[in-house]
Amino acid sequence: MSEKKKQANQDLDLDWLEEDPLGLNEEMPVVAFECLDCGKEDEVPDFVVEEFGYDLKKGEEVEIECPFCGGTMKQARKNSR
């Protein structure tokens, strides 16, 4: 932050804005999902995957609607070659 902005924040008592009280600048863990229909990939926040998987039975996978085509997305698997 520039010295001019810092001085303006101090003048207005806005020093708390330099901190991150809501954690908005923290890295959010994501899970890669791939669409079974169009093949596009998208990253989904980890907490969303956990919530969608709450009521699943053993062996079931989280399925999410594709934002690109409306198809079904499942967690992307890395090729083991």
Protein backbone atom coordinates (compact mmCIF):
# COMPACT_ATOMS: atom_id res chain seq x y z
CA MET A 1 0.00 0.00 0.00
CA SER A 2 1.35 3.42 -0.86
CA GLU A 3 2.42 5.81 1.86
CA LYS A 4 -0.28 8.26 0.78
CA LYS A 5 -3.02 5.62 1.24
CA LYS A 6 -1.56 4.53 4.58
CA GLN A 7 -1.61 8.12 5.78
CA ALA A 8 -5.21 8.56 4.55
CA ASN A 9 -6.25 5.36 6.39
CA GLN A 10 -4.60 6.59 9.57
CA ASP A 11 -6.32 9.94 9.24
CA LEU A 12 -9.68 8.19 8.89
CA ASP A 13 -8.82 5.49 11.47
CA LEU A 14 -9.13 2.72 8.85
CA ASP A 15 -6.03 0.74 9.86
CA TRP A 16 -8.20 -2.35 10.34
CA LEU A 17 -8.67 -2.48 6.55
CA GLU A 18 -5.02 -3.45 6.12
CA GLU A 19 -5.68 -6.59 8.14
CA ASP A 20 -7.85 -9.42 6.82
CA PRO A 21 -10.50 -9.89 9.53
CA LEU A 22 -12.74 -12.07 7.33
CA GLY A 23 -9.96 -14.20 5.85
CA LEU A 24 -10.76 -13.11 2.31
CA ASN A 25 -7.12 -13.12 1.21
CA GLU A 26 -6.44 -16.68 2.36
CA GLU A 27 -5.94 -19.49 -0.14
CA MET A 28 -9.02 -21.67 -0.42
CA PRO A 29 -8.46 -25.39 -1.07
CA VAL A 30 -10.20 -26.54 -4.24
CA VAL A 31 -10.99 -29.87 -5.91
CA ALA A 32 -10.83 -30.33 -9.69
CA PHE A 33 -14.00 -31.66 -11.33
CA GLU A 34 -14.44 -32.82 -14.93
CA CYS A 35 -17.68 -32.84 -16.92
CA LEU A 36 -18.71 -36.24 -18.24
CA ASP A 37 -20.56 -34.59 -21.16
CA CYS A 38 -18.42 -31.72 -22.46
CA GLY A 39 -15.07 -32.68 -20.85
CA LYS A 40 -14.37 -29.24 -19.39
CA GLU A 41 -12.79 -28.92 -15.96
CA ASP A 42 -13.71 -26.60 -13.11
CA GLU A 43 -12.40 -26.06 -9.60
CA VAL A 44 -14.88 -26.43 -6.75
CA PRO A 45 -14.13 -25.20 -3.21
CA ASP A 46 -13.33 -28.06 -0.83
CA PHE A 47 -16.06 -27.08 1.63
CA VAL A 48 -18.69 -27.41 -1.13
CA VAL A 49 -17.49 -30.92 -2.00
CA GLU A 50 -17.64 -31.89 1.69
CA GLU A 51 -21.22 -30.61 2.02
CA PHE A 52 -22.40 -32.37 -1.15
CA GLY A 53 -20.82 -35.61 0.07
CA TYR A 54 -22.43 -35.51 3.51
CA ASP A 55 -25.37 -37.86 2.75
CA LEU A 56 -23.63 -40.13 0.25
CA LYS A 57 -23.41 -43.87 0.83
CA LYS A 58 -20.11 -45.72 0.80
CA GLY A 59 -18.68 -45.89 -2.71
CA GLU A 60 -20.80 -43.01 -4.09
CA GLU A 61 -19.09 -39.95 -5.54
CA VAL A 62 -20.03 -36.29 -5.37
CA GLU A 63 -21.73 -35.13 -8.57
CA ILE A 64 -22.04 -31.44 -9.44
CA GLU A 65 -23.84 -29.71 -12.32
CA CYS A 66 -21.50 -28.42 -15.01
CA PRO A 67 -21.61 -24.60 -15.23
CA PHE A 68 -20.71 -24.79 -18.94
CA CYS A 69 -23.22 -27.29 -20.38
CA GLY A 70 -25.48 -28.36 -17.50
CA GLY A 71 -24.11 -31.91 -17.59
CA THR A 72 -22.75 -33.97 -14.71
CA MET A 73 -19.33 -33.31 -13.23
CA LYS A 74 -17.32 -35.79 -11.16
CA GLN A 75 -14.02 -35.39 -9.42
CA ALA A 76 -11.22 -35.41 -12.00
CA ARG A 77 -8.83 -38.35 -11.84
CA LYS A 78 -5.16 -37.93 -12.66
CA ASN A 79 -3.80 -40.33 -15.28
CA SER A 80 -1.38 -42.81 -13.73
CA ARG A 81 0.99 -43.40 -16.63
